[in-house]
Amino acid sequence: MTGTLLSLISILVGIIAANSTAYIYKKYSFGSIGNTIIGVFGSILFIKLFGRLGFSPWNIMNDGDFDGLRLIVNLIVSVFGGIIGLILAKLISNKIN
């Protein structure tokens, strides 16, 4: 696996987390396209923030060696990024309206 593939998997996990959260809690939904966009940006933001701590996809593939624990932490961070991004977007949307 390469760092780019791990990044795409992390973004996909963020999209799934945002869409499933919006499906379970209807009040946070922006529609499937809106939830997908929020999931992408939320997961990328959190991956970039926590990537500085050593959980980036390129640190997971440390010189061709695979670190499964860092991958699990990266995916959990991506899930939280999608969920928190969706909640924050709804809060901002409510403040604007």
N, C-alpha and C. Protein backbone atom coordinates (compact mmCIF):
# COMPACT_ATOMS: atom_id res chain seq x y z
N MET A 1 0.84 -1.18 0.00
CA MET A 1 0.00 0.00 0.00
C MET A 1 0.88 1.24 0.00
N THR A 2 0.40 2.24 -0.64
CA THR A 2 1.14 3.49 -0.66
C THR A 2 0.44 4.52 0.22
N GLY A 3 1.12 5.62 0.47
CA GLY A 3 0.54 6.68 1.28
C GLY A 3 -0.70 7.29 0.64
N THR A 4 -0.69 7.37 -0.70
CA THR A 4 -1.84 7.93 -1.40
C THR A 4 -3.07 7.03 -1.25
N LEU A 5 -2.88 5.74 -1.34
CA LEU A 5 -3.99 4.81 -1.17
C LEU A 5 -4.53 4.87 0.25
N LEU A 6 -3.65 4.98 1.22
CA LEU A 6 -4.10 5.12 2.61
C LEU A 6 -4.86 6.42 2.83
N SER A 7 -4.44 7.48 2.16
CA SER A 7 -5.16 8.75 2.25
C SER A 7 -6.56 8.62 1.68
N LEU A 8 -6.68 7.96 0.54
CA LEU A 8 -7.99 7.78 -0.08
C LEU A 8 -8.90 6.90 0.78
N ILE A 9 -8.33 5.88 1.40
CA ILE A 9 -9.12 5.03 2.29
C ILE A 9 -9.60 5.83 3.50
N SER A 10 -8.73 6.67 4.04
CA SER A 10 -9.12 7.50 5.19
C SER A 10 -10.23 8.48 4.82
N ILE A 11 -10.15 9.06 3.65
CA ILE A 11 -11.19 9.98 3.20
C ILE A 11 -12.50 9.23 2.99
N LEU A 12 -12.44 8.04 2.42
CA LEU A 12 -13.64 7.22 2.24
C LEU A 12 -14.29 6.88 3.57
N VAL A 13 -13.48 6.59 4.57
CA VAL A 13 -14.01 6.30 5.91
C VAL A 13 -14.70 7.54 6.48
N GLY A 14 -14.13 8.73 6.26
CA GLY A 14 -14.76 9.97 6.71
C GLY A 14 -16.09 10.23 6.01
N ILE A 15 -16.16 9.91 4.73
CA ILE A 15 -17.42 10.06 3.98
C ILE A 15 -18.48 9.13 4.53
N ILE A 16 -18.10 7.89 4.77
CA ILE A 16 -19.05 6.90 5.30
C ILE A 16 -19.52 7.32 6.69
N ALA A 17 -18.61 7.83 7.52
CA ALA A 17 -18.98 8.26 8.87
C ALA A 17 -19.95 9.43 8.83
N ALA A 18 -19.70 10.41 7.97
CA ALA A 18 -20.59 11.57 7.88
C ALA A 18 -21.96 11.17 7.36
N ASN A 19 -22.00 10.32 6.33
CA ASN A 19 -23.29 9.90 5.78
C ASN A 19 -24.07 9.02 6.75
N SER A 20 -23.39 8.15 7.47
CA SER A 20 -24.10 7.30 8.42
C SER A 20 -24.58 8.10 9.63
N THR A 21 -23.81 9.08 10.06
CA THR A 21 -24.26 9.95 11.16
C THR A 21 -25.49 10.74 10.74
N ALA A 22 -25.49 11.25 9.52
CA ALA A 22 -26.64 12.00 9.03
C ALA A 22 -27.85 11.09 8.83
N TYR A 23 -27.61 9.82 8.51
CA TYR A 23 -28.71 8.88 8.36
C TYR A 23 -29.33 8.55 9.71
N ILE A 24 -28.50 8.40 10.73
CA ILE A 24 -29.00 8.07 12.06
C ILE A 24 -29.65 9.29 12.72
N TYR A 25 -28.98 10.43 12.64
CA TYR A 25 -29.50 11.67 13.21
C TYR A 25 -29.93 12.58 12.07
N LYS A 26 -31.20 12.55 11.77
CA LYS A 26 -31.73 13.28 10.61
C LYS A 26 -31.55 14.79 10.73
N LYS A 27 -31.47 15.31 11.95
CA LYS A 27 -31.37 16.77 12.10
C LYS A 27 -30.02 17.32 11.64
N TYR A 28 -29.02 16.47 11.46
CA TYR A 28 -27.70 16.90 10.99
C TYR A 28 -27.50 16.71 9.49
N SER A 29 -28.52 16.29 8.80
CA SER A 29 -28.36 15.93 7.39
C SER A 29 -28.37 17.16 6.48
N PHE A 30 -27.50 17.13 5.47
CA PHE A 30 -27.46 18.13 4.42
C PHE A 30 -27.76 17.50 3.06
N GLY A 31 -28.32 16.32 3.06
CA GLY A 31 -28.51 15.58 1.82
C GLY A 31 -27.26 14.75 1.54
N SER A 32 -27.37 13.80 0.65
CA SER A 32 -26.24 12.88 0.45
C SER A 32 -25.01 13.59 -0.13
N ILE A 33 -25.21 14.53 -1.02
CA ILE A 33 -24.06 15.24 -1.60
C ILE A 33 -23.42 16.16 -0.57
N GLY A 34 -24.23 16.87 0.19
CA GLY A 34 -23.70 17.75 1.23
C GLY A 34 -22.96 16.98 2.31
N ASN A 35 -23.53 15.84 2.72
CA ASN A 35 -22.87 15.01 3.73
C ASN A 35 -21.54 14.47 3.21
N THR A 36 -21.50 14.12 1.93
CA THR A 36 -20.27 13.61 1.34
C THR A 36 -19.19 14.68 1.31
N ILE A 37 -19.56 15.88 0.91
CA ILE A 37 -18.59 16.98 0.85
C ILE A 37 -18.07 17.32 2.24
N ILE A 38 -18.96 17.35 3.22
CA ILE A 38 -18.55 17.64 4.59
C ILE A 38 -17.66 16.52 5.13
N GLY A 39 -17.98 15.27 4.79
CA GLY A 39 -17.15 14.14 5.22
C GLY A 39 -15.75 14.21 4.65
N VAL A 40 -15.65 14.62 3.39
CA VAL A 40 -14.33 14.75 2.76
C VAL A 40 -13.50 15.82 3.47
N PHE A 41 -14.07 17.00 3.63
CA PHE A 41 -13.30 18.09 4.22
C PHE A 41 -13.03 17.87 5.70
N GLY A 42 -13.98 17.31 6.42
CA GLY A 42 -13.76 17.02 7.85
C GLY A 42 -12.67 16.00 8.06
N SER A 43 -12.69 14.93 7.26
CA SER A 43 -11.67 13.90 7.44
C SER A 43 -10.30 14.41 7.01
N ILE A 44 -10.22 15.19 5.94
CA ILE A 44 -8.93 15.74 5.51
C ILE A 44 -8.37 16.68 6.57
N LEU A 45 -9.23 17.51 7.15
CA LEU A 45 -8.78 18.44 8.18
C LEU A 45 -8.21 17.69 9.38
N PHE A 46 -8.92 16.68 9.84
CA PHE A 46 -8.45 15.95 11.01
C PHE A 46 -7.23 15.10 10.71
N ILE A 47 -7.16 14.53 9.50
CA ILE A 47 -5.98 13.76 9.12
C ILE A 47 -4.75 14.67 9.08
N LYS A 48 -4.92 15.87 8.55
CA LYS A 48 -3.80 16.81 8.50
C LYS A 48 -3.38 17.25 9.91
N LEU A 49 -4.37 17.50 10.78
CA LEU A 49 -4.03 17.93 12.14
C LEU A 49 -3.32 16.83 12.91
N PHE A 50 -3.84 15.62 12.86
CA PHE A 50 -3.23 14.52 13.61
C PHE A 50 -2.04 13.91 12.87
N GLY A 51 -1.90 14.20 11.59
CA GLY A 51 -0.75 13.72 10.84
C GLY A 51 0.54 14.34 11.34
N ARG A 52 0.45 15.52 11.90
CA ARG A 52 1.63 16.17 12.47
C ARG A 52 2.13 15.44 13.71
N LEU A 53 1.25 14.66 14.33
CA LEU A 53 1.64 13.89 15.52
C LEU A 53 2.22 12.53 15.18
N GLY A 54 2.28 12.20 13.89
CA GLY A 54 2.88 10.95 13.48
C GLY A 54 1.90 9.92 12.96
N PHE A 55 0.67 10.33 12.67
CA PHE A 55 -0.34 9.39 12.20
C PHE A 55 -0.73 9.64 10.74
N SER A 56 0.14 10.29 9.98
CA SER A 56 -0.14 10.53 8.57
C SER A 56 0.05 9.23 7.79
N PRO A 57 -0.54 9.13 6.61
CA PRO A 57 -0.38 7.91 5.81
C PRO A 57 1.07 7.61 5.46
N TRP A 58 1.89 8.63 5.32
CA TRP A 58 3.29 8.39 4.99
C TRP A 58 4.08 7.90 6.20
N ASN A 59 3.62 8.24 7.40
CA ASN A 59 4.25 7.68 8.60
C ASN A 59 3.79 6.25 8.84
N ILE A 60 2.59 5.92 8.37
CA ILE A 60 2.10 4.55 8.49
C ILE A 60 2.96 3.62 7.63
N MET A 61 3.33 4.09 6.45
CA MET A 61 4.19 3.31 5.55
C MET A 61 5.65 3.71 5.76
N ASN A 62 6.13 3.61 6.95
CA ASN A 62 7.46 4.03 7.34
C ASN A 62 8.52 3.20 6.62
N ASP A 63 9.10 3.76 5.58
CA ASP A 63 10.16 3.12 4.79
C ASP A 63 9.77 1.72 4.30
N GLY A 64 8.54 1.59 3.83
CA GLY A 64 8.07 0.31 3.31
C GLY A 64 7.57 -0.63 4.37
N ASP A 65 7.71 -0.29 5.64
CA ASP A 65 7.22 -1.11 6.74
C ASP A 65 5.83 -0.61 7.12
N PHE A 66 4.91 -1.52 7.34
CA PHE A 66 3.52 -1.17 7.61
C PHE A 66 3.28 -1.17 9.12
N ASP A 67 2.65 -0.11 9.63
CA ASP A 67 2.34 0.00 11.06
C ASP A 67 0.82 -0.02 11.22
N GLY A 68 0.28 -1.14 11.65
CA GLY A 68 -1.17 -1.31 11.76
C GLY A 68 -1.81 -0.46 12.83
N LEU A 69 -1.12 -0.22 13.93
CA LEU A 69 -1.67 0.60 15.01
C LEU A 69 -1.87 2.04 14.54
N ARG A 70 -0.91 2.56 13.82
CA ARG A 70 -1.05 3.93 13.29
C ARG A 70 -2.18 4.01 12.27
N LEU A 71 -2.40 2.94 11.50
CA LEU A 71 -3.50 2.92 10.55
C LEU A 71 -4.83 2.95 11.28
N ILE A 72 -4.96 2.19 12.35
CA ILE A 72 -6.21 2.19 13.11
C ILE A 72 -6.47 3.56 13.71
N VAL A 73 -5.45 4.20 14.26
CA VAL A 73 -5.61 5.54 14.81
C VAL A 73 -5.99 6.53 13.71
N ASN A 74 -5.37 6.41 12.55
CA ASN A 74 -5.68 7.28 11.42
C ASN A 74 -7.15 7.12 10.99
N LEU A 75 -7.64 5.89 10.94
CA LEU A 75 -9.02 5.66 10.54
C LEU A 75 -10.00 6.17 11.59
N ILE A 76 -9.67 6.02 12.85
CA ILE A 76 -10.54 6.54 13.92
C ILE A 76 -10.58 8.06 13.87
N VAL A 77 -9.44 8.68 13.64
CA VAL A 77 -9.39 10.13 13.50
C VAL A 77 -10.22 10.58 12.30
N SER A 78 -10.18 9.83 11.23
CA SER A 78 -10.96 10.16 10.05
C SER A 78 -12.46 10.05 10.32
N VAL A 79 -12.86 9.05 11.09
CA VAL A 79 -14.27 8.90 11.47
C VAL A 79 -14.71 10.10 12.30
N PHE A 80 -13.91 10.46 13.30
CA PHE A 80 -14.27 11.61 14.12
C PHE A 80 -14.26 12.90 13.31
N GLY A 81 -13.38 13.01 12.34
CA GLY A 81 -13.36 14.19 11.47
C GLY A 81 -14.63 14.32 10.67
N GLY A 82 -15.13 13.22 10.12
CA GLY A 82 -16.39 13.26 9.38
C GLY A 82 -17.56 13.62 10.26
N ILE A 83 -17.61 13.04 11.46
CA ILE A 83 -18.74 13.29 12.37
C ILE A 83 -18.69 14.72 12.91
N ILE A 84 -17.54 15.14 13.38
CA ILE A 84 -17.43 16.49 13.96
C ILE A 84 -17.60 17.55 12.87
N GLY A 85 -17.10 17.27 11.67
CA GLY A 85 -17.31 18.20 10.57
C GLY A 85 -18.79 18.39 10.25
N LEU A 86 -19.54 17.31 10.29
CA LEU A 86 -20.99 17.38 10.03
C LEU A 86 -21.70 18.17 11.12
N ILE A 87 -21.34 17.92 12.37
CA ILE A 87 -21.97 18.64 13.48
C ILE A 87 -21.63 20.12 13.44
N LEU A 88 -20.36 20.44 13.18
CA LEU A 88 -19.97 21.85 13.11
C LEU A 88 -20.63 22.56 11.93
N ALA A 89 -20.75 21.89 10.81
CA ALA A 89 -21.42 22.50 9.65
C ALA A 89 -22.87 22.79 9.96
N LYS A 90 -23.53 21.89 10.70
CA LYS A 90 -24.93 22.13 11.05
C LYS A 90 -25.05 23.27 12.04
N LEU A 91 -24.12 23.36 13.00
CA LEU A 91 -24.15 24.48 13.93
C LEU A 91 -23.94 25.81 13.23
N ILE A 92 -23.01 25.84 12.29
CA ILE A 92 -22.78 27.07 11.53
C ILE A 92 -23.99 27.41 10.67
N SER A 93 -24.59 26.39 10.09
CA SER A 93 -25.78 26.62 9.26
C SER A 93 -26.94 27.16 10.10
N ASN A 94 -27.09 26.66 11.30
CA ASN A 94 -28.15 27.16 12.18
C ASN A 94 -27.89 28.59 12.61
N LYS A 95 -26.63 28.95 12.86
CA LYS A 95 -26.30 30.32 13.25
C LYS A 95 -26.55 31.29 12.10
N ILE A 96 -26.26 30.87 10.88
CA ILE A 96 -26.48 31.74 9.73
C ILE A 96 -27.96 31.95 9.48
N ASN A 97 -28.71 30.87 9.61
CA ASN A 97 -30.16 30.98 9.37
C ASN A 97 -30.84 31.49 10.61
